[in-house]
Protein backbone atom coordinates (compact mmCIF):
# COMPACT_ATOMS: atom_id res chain seq x y z
CA MET A 1 -77.01 -117.34 104.28
CA LEU A 2 -78.71 -114.77 106.46
CA ARG A 3 -75.36 -113.03 107.06
CA ILE A 4 -74.79 -112.69 103.30
CA LEU A 5 -78.29 -111.25 102.75
CA ARG A 6 -77.70 -108.69 105.53
CA GLN A 7 -74.40 -107.68 103.93
CA ILE A 8 -76.11 -107.25 100.54
CA ALA A 9 -78.88 -105.14 102.09
CA LYS A 10 -76.35 -103.01 103.99
CA THR A 11 -74.10 -102.44 100.94
CA GLY A 12 -76.90 -101.62 98.50
CA ILE A 13 -76.50 -101.26 94.75
CA VAL A 14 -72.93 -100.56 93.70
CA THR A 15 -72.99 -99.51 90.03
CA GLU A 16 -72.43 -96.46 87.89
CA PRO A 17 -75.36 -94.05 87.83
CA ARG A 18 -77.34 -94.17 84.59
CA PRO A 19 -76.80 -91.10 82.39
CA ALA A 20 -79.73 -88.77 81.88
CA PRO A 21 -81.92 -89.97 78.97
CA ALA A 22 -81.77 -86.63 77.13
CA ASP A 23 -77.97 -86.57 77.29
CA GLU A 24 -77.80 -90.17 76.12
CA ALA A 25 -80.08 -89.57 73.14
CA VAL A 26 -78.01 -86.57 72.06
CA LEU A 27 -74.77 -88.52 72.45
CA VAL A 28 -76.10 -91.48 70.45
CA ALA A 29 -77.37 -89.21 67.66
CA ARG A 30 -74.04 -87.34 67.54
CA LEU A 31 -72.08 -90.59 67.46
CA GLN A 32 -74.24 -92.10 64.70
CA GLU A 33 -73.93 -88.92 62.66
CA ARG A 34 -70.14 -88.83 63.08
CA VAL A 35 -69.73 -92.50 62.12
CA LEU A 36 -71.93 -92.10 59.04
CA ARG A 37 -70.24 -88.83 58.04
CA THR A 38 -66.78 -90.37 58.35
CA LEU A 39 -67.38 -93.82 56.89
CA GLY A 40 -70.75 -93.60 55.13
CA ARG A 41 -71.78 -96.82 56.91
CA ALA A 42 -71.45 -98.66 60.22
CA LEU A 43 -68.03 -98.81 61.86
CA THR A 44 -66.74 -102.37 62.13
CA ILE A 45 -64.19 -103.35 64.77
CA ARG A 46 -61.94 -106.39 65.06
CA GLN A 47 -60.74 -106.86 68.63
CA VAL A 48 -57.32 -108.51 69.00
CA ASP A 49 -55.99 -109.89 72.29
CA ALA A 50 -52.21 -109.74 71.87
CA GLY A 51 -51.42 -111.16 75.31
CA SER A 52 -53.57 -109.35 77.86
CA CYS A 53 -54.88 -110.47 81.25
CA ASN A 54 -58.49 -110.08 79.94
CA GLY A 55 -59.27 -107.05 82.13
CA CYS A 56 -59.58 -104.85 79.03
CA GLU A 57 -61.68 -107.47 77.27
CA LEU A 58 -64.23 -107.38 80.08
CA GLU A 59 -64.61 -103.63 79.59
CA ILE A 60 -64.82 -104.07 75.80
CA HIS A 61 -67.59 -106.66 76.27
CA ALA A 62 -69.41 -104.16 78.48
CA LEU A 63 -69.74 -101.91 75.42
CA GLY A 64 -72.18 -104.41 73.96
CA ASN A 65 -74.52 -104.56 76.95
CA PRO A 66 -77.80 -102.60 77.05
CA TYR A 67 -76.23 -99.83 79.16
CA TYR A 68 -73.74 -98.73 76.47
CA ASN A 69 -75.34 -100.45 73.42
CA ILE A 70 -72.74 -99.53 70.81
CA GLU A 71 -74.50 -101.65 68.18
CA GLY A 72 -77.40 -99.25 68.43
CA MET A 73 -74.94 -96.47 67.61
CA GLY A 74 -73.77 -98.10 64.39
CA ILE A 75 -70.60 -99.76 65.72
CA LYS A 76 -70.27 -103.51 65.21
CA PHE A 77 -67.66 -106.14 66.11
CA VAL A 78 -66.65 -108.53 63.34
CA ALA A 79 -64.85 -111.87 63.35
CA SER A 80 -62.50 -111.21 60.45
CA PRO A 81 -59.97 -108.43 59.98
CA ARG A 82 -60.92 -108.43 56.28
CA HIS A 83 -64.27 -106.90 57.27
CA ALA A 84 -62.89 -104.43 59.84
CA ASP A 85 -62.30 -100.69 59.73
CA LEU A 86 -60.64 -100.50 63.14
CA LEU A 87 -58.42 -102.83 65.15
CA LEU A 88 -58.89 -102.67 68.93
CA VAL A 89 -55.70 -104.23 70.36
CA THR A 90 -55.26 -105.16 74.02
CA GLY A 91 -52.32 -106.34 76.08
CA PRO A 92 -48.58 -106.21 75.83
CA VAL A 93 -47.76 -107.96 72.58
CA SER A 94 -46.30 -111.36 73.41
CA LYS A 95 -43.56 -112.61 71.12
CA HIS A 96 -45.85 -115.41 69.97
CA MET A 97 -48.61 -112.93 69.02
CA ALA A 98 -46.39 -110.38 67.24
CA ILE A 99 -46.54 -112.20 63.90
CA ALA A 100 -50.30 -112.83 64.22
CA LEU A 101 -50.92 -109.17 65.05
CA LYS A 102 -48.86 -108.03 62.06
CA ARG A 103 -50.78 -110.42 59.77
CA THR A 104 -54.09 -109.18 61.17
CA TYR A 105 -53.02 -105.60 60.51
CA ASP A 106 -51.94 -106.49 56.96
CA ALA A 107 -55.27 -108.27 56.32
CA THR A 108 -57.31 -105.23 57.37
CA PRO A 109 -58.29 -103.18 54.29
CA GLU A 110 -57.29 -99.53 53.91
CA PRO A 111 -58.18 -97.08 55.37
CA LYS A 112 -57.60 -98.78 58.70
CA LEU A 113 -57.38 -97.46 62.21
CA VAL A 114 -55.66 -98.96 65.25
CA VAL A 115 -56.56 -98.27 68.87
CA ALA A 116 -54.21 -99.57 71.58
CA VAL A 117 -56.19 -100.35 74.72
CA GLY A 118 -55.02 -100.32 78.33
CA ASP A 119 -51.71 -99.50 79.95
CA CYS A 120 -50.22 -102.70 78.54
CA GLY A 121 -51.19 -101.84 74.96
CA CYS A 122 -50.08 -98.21 75.32
CA HIS A 123 -46.68 -98.64 76.98
CA GLY A 124 -46.24 -102.30 77.98
CA GLY A 125 -47.81 -101.92 81.43
CA ILE A 126 -46.25 -103.91 84.24
CA PHE A 127 -44.82 -106.36 81.71
CA GLY A 128 -42.84 -103.87 79.62
CA GLU A 129 -40.44 -105.41 77.15
CA GLY A 130 -38.78 -108.65 78.11
CA TYR A 131 -38.01 -112.18 77.09
CA ALA A 132 -41.71 -112.97 76.46
CA THR A 133 -43.09 -109.67 75.20
CA VAL A 134 -42.20 -107.05 72.63
CA GLY A 135 -44.07 -104.47 74.76
CA ARG A 136 -46.46 -101.85 73.45
CA VAL A 137 -48.61 -102.36 70.36
CA SER A 138 -46.82 -99.56 68.48
CA ASN A 139 -43.64 -101.69 68.55
CA VAL A 140 -45.35 -104.03 66.07
CA ILE A 141 -47.93 -101.98 64.11
CA PRO A 142 -48.70 -98.24 63.78
CA VAL A 143 -51.18 -96.97 66.39
CA ASP A 144 -53.61 -94.08 65.79
CA VAL A 145 -55.05 -93.68 69.30
CA GLU A 146 -54.03 -94.94 72.74
CA VAL A 147 -56.59 -95.47 75.51
CA PRO A 148 -54.72 -95.73 78.84
CA GLY A 149 -56.08 -97.31 81.99
CA CYS A 150 -55.85 -100.62 83.78
CA PRO A 151 -58.42 -101.41 82.54
CA PRO A 152 -59.92 -98.38 80.81
CA THR A 153 -63.60 -97.74 81.41
CA PRO A 154 -66.13 -98.39 78.64
CA THR A 155 -66.62 -94.62 78.41
CA ALA A 156 -62.88 -94.14 77.84
CA LEU A 157 -63.00 -96.85 75.17
CA LEU A 158 -65.85 -95.02 73.41
CA ARG A 159 -63.86 -91.77 73.54
CA GLY A 160 -60.86 -93.56 72.02
CA ILE A 161 -62.95 -95.06 69.23
CA LEU A 162 -64.51 -91.66 68.52
CA ALA A 163 -61.08 -90.02 68.55
CA ALA A 164 -59.81 -92.57 66.05
CA ILE A 165 -62.62 -92.02 63.56
CA SER A 166 -62.49 -88.25 63.92
CA GLY A 167 -58.70 -88.09 63.77
CA LYS A 168 -58.27 -86.28 67.09
CA ALA A 169 -56.61 -87.18 70.39
CA PRO A 170 -59.09 -88.40 73.04
CA ASP A 171 -60.26 -85.92 75.71
């Protein structure tokens, strides 16, 4: 036990540095204003796991923690595609999930946006197309924005979501 405590003390805190409060307040205000200008209300997201390893989901869940706090910015996750404005799709689409993903897309009301998340969602990742997968998300449904990375950071996810609602490619 003592050896573990020494290792923890020697390593120190290993996290991302917190952004400056002034920068964060400006970013939050700009994001809220853009969401309200584009939609006139809060942005609602339905996250769909189409066959991923859950690495991307961990980063998506990080968006809801107090550090990123996307609910405070007017972005909410919903349980039904019928209430969603944006689909956040992760993973290479497995053949079993292709029909479910298509139905989810069809159930989402217009205007709808789709963001493919991670290397697997963007181009099939290490799985590609094979006997068990149909590959990238755009092989099944139209994709508006791709957020590459394995897994992408929460900041990259926010940029992708912003790019989708503003109609631009992410920086």
